[in-house]
Amino acid sequence: MGVRKWGAVSLLVLVALAGAGLAVAGDGKSNPPAAEETAPGPFKPDWESLKQYHCPEWFRDAKFGIWAHWTAQCVPEMGDWYARQMYIEGDPDYRYHVKHYGHPSNLTMFDLFPQVAA
């Protein structure tokens, strides 16, 4: 993804966070203020409008961090709650585990650790 595209994505994230702040601070309720109460700005809520955005130079050098963890739950690639839900009969993660690895009592989450690969 190019720098320019990242700039647009960053702007969307900032707009979303600002909107979330307005939703709480605006009227004390969870609903954001009505569109007619929002001050006009240079952008409309669509991708075409964001194409005119240019990322400022200072932002191009900014660092971006991502938090991630790499554990046995990465083996089935079923999400963060897999280690819990694989033991709940009827849960989609339980059915997946039984189909691919057998009953959880025979192959636990700890047994998947040797299969973790980068």
PDB file of N, CA and C in Angstrom:
ATOM      1  N   MET A   1       0.857  -1.169   0.000  1.00  0.00           N
ATOM      2  CA  MET A   1       0.000   0.000   0.000  1.00  0.00           C
ATOM      3  C   MET A   1       0.896   1.223   0.000  1.00  0.00           C
ATOM      4  N   GLY A   2       0.674   2.150  -0.892  1.00  0.00           N
ATOM      5  CA  GLY A   2       1.510   3.320  -1.025  1.00  0.00           C
ATOM      6  C   GLY A   2       1.327   4.300   0.118  1.00  0.00           C
ATOM      7  N   VAL A   3       2.268   5.224   0.214  1.00  0.00           N
ATOM      8  CA  VAL A   3       2.236   6.227   1.276  1.00  0.00           C
ATOM      9  C   VAL A   3       0.965   7.049   1.201  1.00  0.00           C
ATOM     10  N   ARG A   4       0.581   7.379   0.002  1.00  0.00           N
ATOM     11  CA  ARG A   4      -0.615   8.195  -0.171  1.00  0.00           C
ATOM     12  C   ARG A   4      -1.857   7.460   0.304  1.00  0.00           C
ATOM     13  N   LYS A   5      -1.929   6.170   0.005  1.00  0.00           N
ATOM     14  CA  LYS A   5      -3.064   5.354   0.432  1.00  0.00           C
ATOM     15  C   LYS A   5      -3.082   5.255   1.957  1.00  0.00           C
ATOM     16  N   TRP A   6      -1.884   5.080   2.563  1.00  0.00           N
ATOM     17  CA  TRP A   6      -1.816   5.028   4.024  1.00  0.00           C
ATOM     18  C   TRP A   6      -2.287   6.345   4.627  1.00  0.00           C
ATOM     19  N   GLY A   7      -1.982   7.435   3.974  1.00  0.00           N
ATOM     20  CA  GLY A   7      -2.438   8.728   4.470  1.00  0.00           C
ATOM     21  C   GLY A   7      -3.949   8.795   4.511  1.00  0.00           C
ATOM     22  N   ALA A   8      -4.608   8.293   3.477  1.00  0.00           N
ATOM     23  CA  ALA A   8      -6.070   8.286   3.442  1.00  0.00           C
ATOM     24  C   ALA A   8      -6.624   7.354   4.508  1.00  0.00           C
ATOM     25  N   VAL A   9      -5.999   6.207   4.682  1.00  0.00           N
ATOM     26  CA  VAL A   9      -6.449   5.264   5.706  1.00  0.00           C
ATOM     27  C   VAL A   9      -6.285   5.888   7.084  1.00  0.00           C
ATOM     28  N   SER A  10      -5.149   6.545   7.309  1.00  0.00           N
ATOM     29  CA  SER A  10      -4.907   7.200   8.591  1.00  0.00           C
ATOM     30  C   SER A  10      -5.953   8.270   8.849  1.00  0.00           C
ATOM     31  N   LEU A  11      -6.292   9.014   7.824  1.00  0.00           N
ATOM     32  CA  LEU A  11      -7.306  10.049   7.970  1.00  0.00           C
ATOM     33  C   LEU A  11      -8.647   9.420   8.340  1.00  0.00           C
ATOM     34  N   LEU A  12      -8.992   8.320   7.702  1.00  0.00           N
ATOM     35  CA  LEU A  12     -10.249   7.652   8.036  1.00  0.00           C
ATOM     36  C   LEU A  12     -10.269   7.193   9.487  1.00  0.00           C
ATOM     37  N   VAL A  13      -9.148   6.666   9.957  1.00  0.00           N
ATOM     38  CA  VAL A  13      -9.062   6.238  11.356  1.00  0.00           C
ATOM     39  C   VAL A  13      -9.234   7.434  12.281  1.00  0.00           C
ATOM     40  N   LEU A  14      -8.567   8.546  11.975  1.00  0.00           N
ATOM     41  CA  LEU A  14      -8.697   9.737  12.798  1.00  0.00           C
ATOM     42  C   LEU A  14     -10.115  10.268  12.799  1.00  0.00           C
ATOM     43  N   VAL A  15     -10.759  10.254  11.650  1.00  0.00           N
ATOM     44  CA  VAL A  15     -12.144  10.709  11.552  1.00  0.00           C
ATOM     45  C   VAL A  15     -13.049   9.804  12.373  1.00  0.00           C
ATOM     46  N   ALA A  16     -12.809   8.493  12.291  1.00  0.00           N
ATOM     47  CA  ALA A  16     -13.623   7.549  13.060  1.00  0.00           C
ATOM     48  C   ALA A  16     -13.444   7.769  14.556  1.00  0.00           C
ATOM     49  N   LEU A  17     -12.201   7.970  14.999  1.00  0.00           N
ATOM     50  CA  LEU A  17     -11.954   8.216  16.413  1.00  0.00           C
ATOM     51  C   LEU A  17     -12.576   9.534  16.863  1.00  0.00           C
ATOM     52  N   ALA A  18     -12.469  10.555  16.031  1.00  0.00           N
ATOM     53  CA  ALA A  18     -13.088  11.835  16.365  1.00  0.00           C
ATOM     54  C   ALA A  18     -14.599  11.687  16.437  1.00  0.00           C
ATOM     55  N   GLY A  19     -15.165  10.921  15.519  1.00  0.00           N
ATOM     56  CA  GLY A  19     -16.605  10.680  15.535  1.00  0.00           C
ATOM     57  C   GLY A  19     -17.031   9.946  16.786  1.00  0.00           C
ATOM     58  N   ALA A  20     -16.215   8.999  17.228  1.00  0.00           N
ATOM     59  CA  ALA A  20     -16.518   8.271  18.461  1.00  0.00           C
ATOM     60  C   ALA A  20     -16.494   9.224  19.649  1.00  0.00           C
ATOM     61  N   GLY A  21     -15.539  10.153  19.643  1.00  0.00           N
ATOM     62  CA  GLY A  21     -15.474  11.148  20.711  1.00  0.00           C
ATOM     63  C   GLY A  21     -16.683  12.052  20.710  1.00  0.00           C
ATOM     64  N   LEU A  22     -17.137  12.455  19.529  1.00  0.00           N
ATOM     65  CA  LEU A  22     -18.337  13.283  19.425  1.00  0.00           C
ATOM     66  C   LEU A  22     -19.560  12.534  19.890  1.00  0.00           C
ATOM     67  N   ALA A  23     -19.580  11.217  19.630  1.00  0.00           N
ATOM     68  CA  ALA A  23     -20.731  10.418  20.025  1.00  0.00           C
ATOM     69  C   ALA A  23     -20.905  10.437  21.530  1.00  0.00           C
ATOM     70  N   VAL A  24     -19.810  10.451  22.261  1.00  0.00           N
ATOM     71  CA  VAL A  24     -19.904  10.452  23.717  1.00  0.00           C
ATOM     72  C   VAL A  24     -20.034  11.875  24.244  1.00  0.00           C
ATOM     73  N   ALA A  25     -19.216  12.782  23.707  1.00  0.00           N
ATOM     74  CA  ALA A  25     -19.186  14.141  24.233  1.00  0.00           C
ATOM     75  C   ALA A  25     -20.303  15.017  23.676  1.00  0.00           C
ATOM     76  N   GLY A  26     -20.822  14.685  22.512  1.00  0.00           N
ATOM     77  CA  GLY A  26     -21.796  15.545  21.847  1.00  0.00           C
ATOM     78  C   GLY A  26     -23.019  15.863  22.677  1.00  0.00           C
ATOM     79  N   ASP A  27     -23.783  14.861  23.058  1.00  0.00           N
ATOM     80  CA  ASP A  27     -24.998  15.106  23.814  1.00  0.00           C
ATOM     81  C   ASP A  27     -25.121  14.191  25.021  1.00  0.00           C
ATOM     82  N   GLY A  28     -24.026  13.508  25.372  1.00  0.00           N
ATOM     83  CA  GLY A  28     -24.047  12.619  26.521  1.00  0.00           C
ATOM     84  C   GLY A  28     -24.680  11.277  26.233  1.00  0.00           C
ATOM     85  N   LYS A  29     -25.109  11.071  25.004  1.00  0.00           N
ATOM     86  CA  LYS A  29     -25.711   9.806  24.610  1.00  0.00           C
ATOM     87  C   LYS A  29     -24.755   9.095  23.671  1.00  0.00           C
ATOM     88  N   SER A  30     -25.123   7.893  23.266  1.00  0.00           N
ATOM     89  CA  SER A  30     -24.237   7.138  22.388  1.00  0.00           C
ATOM     90  C   SER A  30     -24.411   7.497  20.918  1.00  0.00           C
ATOM     91  N   ASN A  31     -25.371   8.337  20.598  1.00  0.00           N
ATOM     92  CA  ASN A  31     -25.605   8.706  19.206  1.00  0.00           C
ATOM     93  C   ASN A  31     -24.798   9.944  18.842  1.00  0.00           C
ATOM     94  N   PRO A  32     -24.150   9.945  17.666  1.00  0.00           N
ATOM     95  CA  PRO A  32     -23.422  11.143  17.247  1.00  0.00           C
ATOM     96  C   PRO A  32     -24.397  12.259  16.897  1.00  0.00           C
ATOM     97  N   PRO A  33     -23.926  13.502  16.910  1.00  0.00           N
ATOM     98  CA  PRO A  33     -24.809  14.609  16.536  1.00  0.00           C
ATOM     99  C   PRO A  33     -25.288  14.456  15.091  1.00  0.00           C
ATOM    100  N   ALA A  34     -26.412  15.018  14.811  1.00  0.00           N
ATOM    101  CA  ALA A  34     -26.970  14.950  13.458  1.00  0.00           C
ATOM    102  C   ALA A  34     -26.041  15.651  12.483  1.00  0.00           C
ATOM    103  N   ALA A  35     -26.120  15.257  11.213  1.00  0.00           N
ATOM    104  CA  ALA A  35     -25.233  15.809  10.184  1.00  0.00           C
ATOM    105  C   ALA A  35     -25.346  17.326  10.088  1.00  0.00           C
ATOM    106  N   GLU A  36     -26.538  17.870  10.284  1.00  0.00           N
ATOM    107  CA  GLU A  36     -26.684  19.314  10.165  1.00  0.00           C
ATOM    108  C   GLU A  36     -25.994  20.059  11.308  1.00  0.00           C
ATOM    109  N   GLU A  37     -25.645  19.362  12.401  1.00  0.00           N
ATOM    110  CA  GLU A  37     -24.938  19.992  13.502  1.00  0.00           C
ATOM    111  C   GLU A  37     -23.428  19.949  13.311  1.00  0.00           C
ATOM    112  N   THR A  38     -22.956  19.158  12.361  1.00  0.00           N
ATOM    113  CA  THR A  38     -21.528  19.009  12.122  1.00  0.00           C
ATOM    114  C   THR A  38     -21.027  20.165  11.270  1.00  0.00           C
ATOM    115  N   ALA A  39     -19.911  20.737  11.688  1.00  0.00           N
ATOM    116  CA  ALA A  39     -19.335  21.850  10.938  1.00  0.00           C
ATOM    117  C   ALA A  39     -18.865  21.362   9.568  1.00  0.00           C
ATOM    118  N   PRO A  40     -19.054  22.170   8.531  1.00  0.00           N
ATOM    119  CA  PRO A  40     -18.596  21.754   7.200  1.00  0.00           C
ATOM    120  C   PRO A  40     -17.074  21.682   7.162  1.00  0.00           C
ATOM    121  N   GLY A  41     -16.568  20.753   6.375  1.00  0.00           N
ATOM    122  CA  GLY A  41     -15.133  20.589   6.251  1.00  0.00           C
ATOM    123  C   GLY A  41     -14.757  20.327   4.808  1.00  0.00           C
ATOM    124  N   PRO A  42     -13.495  20.053   4.543  1.00  0.00           N
ATOM    125  CA  PRO A  42     -13.034  19.867   3.177  1.00  0.00           C
ATOM    126  C   PRO A  42     -13.388  18.507   2.577  1.00  0.00           C
ATOM    127  N   PHE A  43     -13.878  17.577   3.401  1.00  0.00           N
ATOM    128  CA  PHE A  43     -14.130  16.226   2.905  1.00  0.00           C
ATOM    129  C   PHE A  43     -15.586  15.820   3.068  1.00  0.00           C
ATOM    130  N   LYS A  44     -16.003  14.954   2.172  1.00  0.00           N
ATOM    131  CA  LYS A  44     -17.316  14.321   2.266  1.00  0.00           C
ATOM    132  C   LYS A  44     -17.081  12.876   2.701  1.00  0.00           C
ATOM    133  N   PRO A  45     -18.081  12.190   3.214  1.00  0.00           N
ATOM    134  CA  PRO A  45     -17.869  10.818   3.683  1.00  0.00           C
ATOM    135  C   PRO A  45     -17.836   9.787   2.557  1.00  0.00           C
ATOM    136  N   ASP A  46     -16.899   9.968   1.618  1.00  0.00           N
ATOM    137  CA  ASP A  46     -16.744   8.990   0.540  1.00  0.00           C
ATOM    138  C   ASP A  46     -15.283   8.951   0.088  1.00  0.00           C
ATOM    139  N   TRP A  47     -14.927   7.891  -0.638  1.00  0.00           N
ATOM    140  CA  TRP A  47     -13.538   7.697  -1.067  1.00  0.00           C
ATOM    141  C   TRP A  47     -13.095   8.751  -2.090  1.00  0.00           C
ATOM    142  N   GLU A  48     -14.001   9.154  -2.940  1.00  0.00           N
ATOM    143  CA  GLU A  48     -13.644  10.164  -3.952  1.00  0.00           C
ATOM    144  C   GLU A  48     -13.183  11.455  -3.285  1.00  0.00           C
ATOM    145  N   SER A  49     -13.870  11.852  -2.236  1.00  0.00           N
ATOM    146  CA  SER A  49     -13.500  13.068  -1.532  1.00  0.00           C
ATOM    147  C   SER A  49     -12.118  12.933  -0.899  1.00  0.00           C
ATOM    148  N   LEU A  50     -11.810  11.737  -0.392  1.00  0.00           N
ATOM    149  CA  LEU A  50     -10.518  11.531   0.268  1.00  0.00           C
ATOM    150  C   LEU A  50      -9.348  11.485  -0.703  1.00  0.00           C
ATOM    151  N   LYS A  51      -9.619  11.310  -1.981  1.00  0.00           N
ATOM    152  CA  LYS A  51      -8.528  11.278  -2.958  1.00  0.00           C
ATOM    153  C   LYS A  51      -7.784  12.608  -3.025  1.00  0.00           C
ATOM    154  N   GLN A  52      -8.427  13.704  -2.614  1.00  0.00           N
ATOM    155  CA  GLN A  52      -7.762  15.001  -2.623  1.00  0.00           C
ATOM    156  C   GLN A  52      -6.838  15.188  -1.417  1.00  0.00           C
ATOM    157  N   TYR A  53      -6.896  14.267  -0.466  1.00  0.00           N
ATOM    158  CA  TYR A  53      -6.068  14.381   0.737  1.00  0.00           C
ATOM    159  C   TYR A  53      -4.600  14.119   0.435  1.00  0.00           C
ATOM    160  N   HIS A  54      -3.736  14.932   0.984  1.00  0.00           N
ATOM    161  CA  HIS A  54      -2.294  14.747   0.869  1.00  0.00           C
ATOM    162  C   HIS A  54      -1.737  14.600   2.277  1.00  0.00           C
ATOM    163  N   CYS A  55      -1.010  13.546   2.485  1.00  0.00           N
ATOM    164  CA  CYS A  55      -0.416  13.266   3.783  1.00  0.00           C
ATOM    165  C   CYS A  55       0.664  14.306   4.087  1.00  0.00           C
ATOM    166  N   PRO A  56       0.632  14.931   5.276  1.00  0.00           N
ATOM    167  CA  PRO A  56       1.679  15.907   5.601  1.00  0.00           C
ATOM    168  C   PRO A  56       3.038  15.232   5.755  1.00  0.00           C
ATOM    169  N   GLU A  57       4.097  15.978   5.463  1.00  0.00           N
ATOM    170  CA  GLU A  57       5.448  15.423   5.514  1.00  0.00           C
ATOM    171  C   GLU A  57       5.784  14.849   6.881  1.00  0.00           C
ATOM    172  N   TRP A  58       5.370  15.533   7.953  1.00  0.00           N
ATOM    173  CA  TRP A  58       5.722  15.059   9.292  1.00  0.00           C
ATOM    174  C   TRP A  58       5.101  13.689   9.559  1.00  0.00           C
ATOM    175  N   PHE A  59       3.961  13.423   8.945  1.00  0.00           N
ATOM    176  CA  PHE A  59       3.281  12.153   9.185  1.00  0.00           C
ATOM    177  C   PHE A  59       3.946  11.014   8.426  1.00  0.00           C
ATOM    178  N   ARG A  60       4.541  11.323   7.297  1.00  0.00           N
ATOM    179  CA  ARG A  60       5.217  10.292   6.500  1.00  0.00           C
ATOM    180  C   ARG A  60       6.344   9.623   7.289  1.00  0.00           C
ATOM    181  N   ASP A  61       6.975  10.366   8.180  1.00  0.00           N
ATOM    182  CA  ASP A  61       8.060   9.821   8.976  1.00  0.00           C
ATOM    183  C   ASP A  61       7.586   9.240  10.307  1.00  0.00           C
ATOM    184  N   ALA A  62       6.301   9.339  10.578  1.00  0.00           N
ATOM    185  CA  ALA A  62       5.765   8.824  11.834  1.00  0.00           C
ATOM    186  C   ALA A  62       5.853   7.296  11.848  1.00  0.00           C
ATOM    187  N   LYS A  63       5.977   6.752  13.025  1.00  0.00           N
ATOM    188  CA  LYS A  63       6.069   5.302  13.174  1.00  0.00           C
ATOM    189  C   LYS A  63       4.685   4.751  13.514  1.00  0.00           C
ATOM    190  N   PHE A  64       4.439   3.549  13.044  1.00  0.00           N
ATOM    191  CA  PHE A  64       3.146   2.910  13.261  1.00  0.00           C
ATOM    192  C   PHE A  64       3.394   1.549  13.886  1.00  0.00           C
ATOM    193  N   GLY A  65       2.767   1.259  15.011  1.00  0.00           N
ATOM    194  CA  GLY A  65       2.988  -0.015  15.690  1.00  0.00           C
ATOM    195  C   GLY A  65       1.756  -0.900  15.624  1.00  0.00           C
ATOM    196  N   ILE A  66       2.004  -2.178  15.580  1.00  0.00           N
ATOM    197  CA  ILE A  66       0.917  -3.164  15.578  1.00  0.00           C
ATOM    198  C   ILE A  66       1.212  -4.180  16.670  1.00  0.00           C
ATOM    199  N   TRP A  67       0.228  -4.447  17.494  1.00  0.00           N
ATOM    200  CA  TRP A  67       0.376  -5.464  18.527  1.00  0.00           C
ATOM    201  C   TRP A  67      -0.135  -6.785  17.971  1.00  0.00           C
ATOM    202  N   ALA A  68       0.622  -7.823  18.185  1.00  0.00           N
ATOM    203  CA  ALA A  68       0.207  -9.151  17.743  1.00  0.00           C
ATOM    204  C   ALA A  68       0.823 -10.183  18.669  1.00  0.00           C
ATOM    205  N   HIS A  69       0.183 -11.314  18.762  1.00  0.00           N
ATOM    206  CA  HIS A  69       0.763 -12.405  19.533  1.00  0.00           C
ATOM    207  C   HIS A  69       0.742 -13.649  18.670  1.00  0.00           C
ATOM    208  N   TRP A  70       1.689 -14.496  18.907  1.00  0.00           N
ATOM    209  CA  TRP A  70       1.874 -15.685  18.078  1.00  0.00           C
ATOM    210  C   TRP A  70       1.874 -16.877  19.016  1.00  0.00           C
ATOM    211  N   THR A  71       0.746 -17.567  19.097  1.00  0.00           N
ATOM    212  CA  THR A  71       0.628 -18.702  20.008  1.00  0.00           C
ATOM    213  C   THR A  71      -0.025 -19.871  19.289  1.00  0.00           C
ATOM    214  N   ALA A  72      -0.361 -20.879  20.056  1.00  0.00           N
ATOM    215  CA  ALA A  72      -0.967 -22.076  19.476  1.00  0.00           C
ATOM    216  C   ALA A  72      -2.301 -21.783  18.786  1.00  0.00           C
ATOM    217  N   GLN A  73      -2.987 -20.734  19.189  1.00  0.00           N
ATOM    218  CA  GLN A  73      -4.264 -20.427  18.529  1.00  0.00           C
ATOM    219  C   GLN A  73      -4.067 -19.958  17.087  1.00  0.00           C
ATOM    220  N   CYS A  74      -2.837 -19.687  16.695  1.00  0.00           N
ATOM    221  CA  CYS A  74      -2.543 -19.339  15.310  1.00  0.00           C
ATOM    222  C   CYS A  74      -2.575 -20.567  14.404  1.00  0.00           C
ATOM    223  N   VAL A  75      -2.480 -21.757  14.981  1.00  0.00           N
ATOM    224  CA  VAL A  75      -2.471 -22.973  14.174  1.00  0.00           C
ATOM    225  C   VAL A  75      -3.829 -23.171  13.484  1.00  0.00           C
ATOM    226  N   PRO A  76      -4.938 -23.170  14.229  1.00  0.00           N
ATOM    227  CA  PRO A  76      -6.225 -23.328  13.540  1.00  0.00           C
ATOM    228  C   PRO A  76      -6.716 -22.044  12.871  1.00  0.00           C
ATOM    229  N   GLU A  77      -6.103 -20.904  13.203  1.00  0.00           N
ATOM    230  CA  GLU A  77      -6.482 -19.590  12.636  1.00  0.00           C
ATOM    231  C   GLU A  77      -7.967 -19.293  12.830  1.00  0.00           C
ATOM    232  N   MET A  78      -8.435 -19.508  14.052  1.00  0.00           N
ATOM    233  CA  MET A  78      -9.854 -19.311  14.343  1.00  0.00           C
ATOM    234  C   MET A  78     -10.110 -18.144  15.288  1.00  0.00           C
ATOM    235  N   GLY A  79      -9.105 -17.378  15.646  1.00  0.00           N
ATOM    236  CA  GLY A  79      -9.326 -16.190  16.465  1.00  0.00           C
ATOM    237  C   GLY A  79      -8.879 -16.330  17.903  1.00  0.00           C
ATOM    238  N   ASP A  80      -8.988 -15.211  18.627  1.00  0.00           N
ATOM    239  CA  ASP A  80      -8.482 -15.122  19.990  1.00  0.00           C
ATOM    240  C   ASP A  80      -9.216 -15.996  20.998  1.00  0.00           C
ATOM    241  N   TRP A  81     -10.480 -16.311  20.767  1.00  0.00           N
ATOM    242  CA  TRP A  81     -11.267 -17.073  21.737  1.00  0.00           C
ATOM    243  C   TRP A  81     -11.254 -18.569  21.464  1.00  0.00           C
ATOM    244  N   TYR A  82     -10.502 -19.014  20.490  1.00  0.00           N
ATOM    245  CA  TYR A  82     -10.489 -20.427  20.123  1.00  0.00           C
ATOM    246  C   TYR A  82     -10.123 -21.327  21.299  1.00  0.00           C
ATOM    247  N   ALA A  83      -9.100 -20.938  22.062  1.00  0.00           N
ATOM    248  CA  ALA A  83      -8.625 -21.773  23.164  1.00  0.00           C
ATOM    249  C   ALA A  83      -9.715 -22.008  24.213  1.00  0.00           C
ATOM    250  N   ARG A  84     -10.644 -21.114  24.333  1.00  0.00           N
ATOM    251  CA  ARG A  84     -11.755 -21.292  25.272  1.00  0.00           C
ATOM    252  C   ARG A  84     -12.907 -22.036  24.615  1.00  0.00           C
ATOM    253  N   GLN A  85     -13.277 -21.568  23.427  1.00  0.00           N
ATOM    254  CA  GLN A  85     -14.485 -22.080  22.795  1.00  0.00           C
ATOM    255  C   GLN A  85     -14.328 -23.482  22.219  1.00  0.00           C
ATOM    256  N   MET A  86     -13.105 -23.959  22.077  1.00  0.00           N
ATOM    257  CA  MET A  86     -12.918 -25.309  21.565  1.00  0.00           C
ATOM    258  C   MET A  86     -13.422 -26.366  22.546  1.00  0.00           C
ATOM    259  N   TYR A  87     -13.692 -25.958  23.788  1.00  0.00           N
ATOM    260  CA  TYR A  87     -14.194 -26.876  24.808  1.00  0.00           C
ATOM    261  C   TYR A  87     -15.704 -26.777  25.010  1.00  0.00           C
ATOM    262  N   ILE A  88     -16.363 -25.873  24.313  1.00  0.00           N
ATOM    263  CA  ILE A  88     -17.803 -25.671  24.488  1.00  0.00           C
ATOM    264  C   ILE A  88     -18.542 -26.450  23.401  1.00  0.00           C
ATOM    265  N   GLU A  89     -19.164 -27.548  23.808  1.00  0.00           N
ATOM    266  CA  GLU A  89     -19.866 -28.400  22.841  1.00  0.00           C
ATOM    267  C   GLU A  89     -20.920 -27.588  22.094  1.00  0.00           C
ATOM    268  N   GLY A  90     -20.967 -27.763  20.786  1.00  0.00           N
ATOM    269  CA  GLY A  90     -21.914 -27.046  19.947  1.00  0.00           C
ATOM    270  C   GLY A  90     -21.366 -25.757  19.365  1.00  0.00           C
ATOM    271  N   ASP A  91     -20.327 -25.203  19.965  1.00  0.00           N
ATOM    272  CA  ASP A  91     -19.720 -23.978  19.456  1.00  0.00           C
ATOM    273  C   ASP A  91     -19.033 -24.282  18.118  1.00  0.00           C
ATOM    274  N   PRO A  92     -19.035 -23.351  17.164  1.00  0.00           N
ATOM    275  CA  PRO A  92     -18.342 -23.585  15.883  1.00  0.00           C
ATOM    276  C   PRO A  92     -16.866 -23.948  16.061  1.00  0.00           C
ATOM    277  N   ASP A  93     -16.182 -23.349  17.056  1.00  0.00           N
ATOM    278  CA  ASP A  93     -14.782 -23.692  17.299  1.00  0.00           C
ATOM    279  C   ASP A  93     -14.648 -25.127  17.809  1.00  0.00           C
ATOM    280  N   TYR A  94     -15.583 -25.567  18.629  1.00  0.00           N
ATOM    281  CA  TYR A  94     -15.579 -26.954  19.107  1.00  0.00           C
ATOM    282  C   TYR A  94     -15.737 -27.915  17.924  1.00  0.00           C
ATOM    283  N   ARG A  95     -16.722 -27.625  17.068  1.00  0.00           N
ATOM    284  CA  ARG A  95     -16.952 -28.498  15.901  1.00  0.00           C
ATOM    285  C   ARG A  95     -15.724 -28.521  14.989  1.00  0.00           C
ATOM    286  N   TYR A  96     -15.087 -27.374  14.782  1.00  0.00           N
ATOM    287  CA  TYR A  96     -13.884 -27.305  13.955  1.00  0.00           C
ATOM    288  C   TYR A  96     -12.777 -28.159  14.566  1.00  0.00           C
ATOM    289  N   HIS A  97     -12.593 -28.033  15.873  1.00  0.00           N
ATOM    290  CA  HIS A  97     -11.524 -28.770  16.546  1.00  0.00           C
ATOM    291  C   HIS A  97     -11.753 -30.279  16.440  1.00  0.00           C
ATOM    292  N   VAL A  98     -12.969 -30.709  16.678  1.00  0.00           N
ATOM    293  CA  VAL A  98     -13.281 -32.143  16.593  1.00  0.00           C
ATOM    294  C   VAL A  98     -13.041 -32.650  15.176  1.00  0.00           C
ATOM    295  N   LYS A  99     -13.459 -31.864  14.180  1.00  0.00           N
ATOM    296  CA  LYS A  99     -13.304 -32.285  12.789  1.00  0.00           C
ATOM    297  C   LYS A  99     -11.834 -32.372  12.373  1.00  0.00           C
ATOM    298  N   HIS A 100     -11.024 -31.403  12.789  1.00  0.00           N
ATOM    299  CA  HIS A 100      -9.639 -31.326  12.322  1.00  0.00           C
ATOM    300  C   HIS A 100      -8.619 -31.992  13.246  1.00  0.00           C
ATOM    301  N   TYR A 101      -8.899 -32.037  14.551  1.00  0.00           N
ATOM    302  CA  TYR A 101      -7.897 -32.539  15.486  1.00  0.00           C
ATOM    303  C   TYR A 101      -8.405 -33.654  16.400  1.00  0.00           C
ATOM    304  N   GLY A 102      -9.707 -33.874  16.408  1.00  0.00           N
ATOM    305  CA  GLY A 102     -10.274 -34.847  17.328  1.00  0.00           C
ATOM    306  C   GLY A 102     -10.831 -34.159  18.561  1.00  0.00           C
ATOM    307  N   HIS A 103     -11.332 -34.954  19.504  1.00  0.00           N
ATOM    308  CA  HIS A 103     -11.947 -34.395  20.714  1.00  0.00           C
ATOM    309  C   HIS A 103     -10.905 -33.614  21.522  1.00  0.00           C
ATOM    310  N   PRO A 104     -11.307 -32.458  22.097  1.00  0.00           N
ATOM    311  CA  PRO A 104     -10.355 -31.635  22.856  1.00  0.00           C
ATOM    312  C   PRO A 104      -9.691 -32.366  24.027  1.00  0.00           C
ATOM    313  N   SER A 105     -10.321 -33.407  24.540  1.00  0.00           N
ATOM    314  CA  SER A 105      -9.687 -34.144  25.634  1.00  0.00           C
ATOM    315  C   SER A 105      -8.491 -34.958  25.130  1.00  0.00           C
ATOM    316  N   ASN A 106      -8.443 -35.219  23.831  1.00  0.00           N
ATOM    317  CA  ASN A 106      -7.337 -35.981  23.248  1.00  0.00           C
ATOM    318  C   ASN A 106      -6.232 -35.093  22.699  1.00  0.00           C
ATOM    319  N   LEU A 107      -6.571 -33.872  22.279  1.00  0.00           N
ATOM    320  CA  LEU A 107      -5.583 -32.937  21.751  1.00  0.00           C
ATOM    321  C   LEU A 107      -5.964 -31.552  22.256  1.00  0.00           C
ATOM    322  N   THR A 108      -5.212 -31.063  23.246  1.00  0.00           N
ATOM    323  CA  THR A 108      -5.528 -29.771  23.860  1.00  0.00           C
ATOM    324  C   THR A 108      -4.816 -28.644  23.127  1.00  0.00           C
ATOM    325  N   MET A 109      -5.063 -27.452  23.590  1.00  0.00           N
ATOM    326  CA  MET A 109      -4.411 -26.282  23.012  1.00  0.00           C
ATOM    327  C   MET A 109      -2.890 -26.395  23.158  1.00  0.00           C
ATOM    328  N   PHE A 110      -2.426 -26.954  24.275  1.00  0.00           N
ATOM    329  CA  PHE A 110      -0.982 -27.092  24.506  1.00  0.00           C
ATOM    330  C   PHE A 110      -0.346 -28.045  23.503  1.00  0.00           C
ATOM    331  N   ASP A 111      -1.130 -29.003  23.004  1.00  0.00           N
ATOM    332  CA  ASP A 111      -0.594 -29.951  22.012  1.00  0.00           C
ATOM    333  C   ASP A 111      -0.375 -29.290  20.661  1.00  0.00           C
ATOM    334  N   LEU A 112      -0.984 -28.125  20.435  1.00  0.00           N
ATOM    335  CA  LEU A 112      -0.839 -27.425  19.161  1.00  0.00           C
ATOM    336  C   LEU A 112       0.439 -26.588  19.092  1.00  0.00           C
ATOM    337  N   PHE A 113       1.076 -26.312  20.239  1.00  0.00           N
ATOM    338  CA  PHE A 113       2.267 -25.462  20.251  1.00  0.00           C
ATOM    339  C   PHE A 113       3.361 -25.905  19.290  1.00  0.00           C
ATOM    340  N   PRO A 114       3.669 -27.206  19.191  1.00  0.00           N
ATOM    341  CA  PRO A 114       4.747 -27.605  18.252  1.00  0.00           C
ATOM    342  C   PRO A 114       4.429 -27.257  16.793  1.00  0.00           C
ATOM    343  N   GLN A 115       3.160 -27.012  16.470  1.00  0.00           N
ATOM    344  CA  GLN A 115       2.793 -26.715  15.089  1.00  0.00           C
ATOM    345  C   GLN A 115       2.882 -25.229  14.747  1.00  0.00           C
ATOM    346  N   VAL A 116       3.155 -24.370  15.744  1.00  0.00           N
ATOM    347  CA  VAL A 116       3.255 -22.933  15.500  1.00  0.00           C
ATOM    348  C   VAL A 116       4.486 -22.673  14.647  1.00  0.00           C
ATOM    349  N   ALA A 117       4.293 -22.000  13.523  1.00  0.00           N
ATOM    350  CA  ALA A 117       5.398 -21.672  12.627  1.00  0.00           C
ATOM    351  C   ALA A 117       5.238 -20.249  12.123  1.00  0.00           C
ATOM    352  N   ALA A 118       6.313 -19.571  11.972  1.00  0.00           N
ATOM    353  CA  ALA A 118       6.268 -18.198  11.465  1.00  0.00           C
ATOM    354  C   ALA A 118       6.237 -18.199   9.958  1.00  0.00           C
TER     355      ALA A 118
END
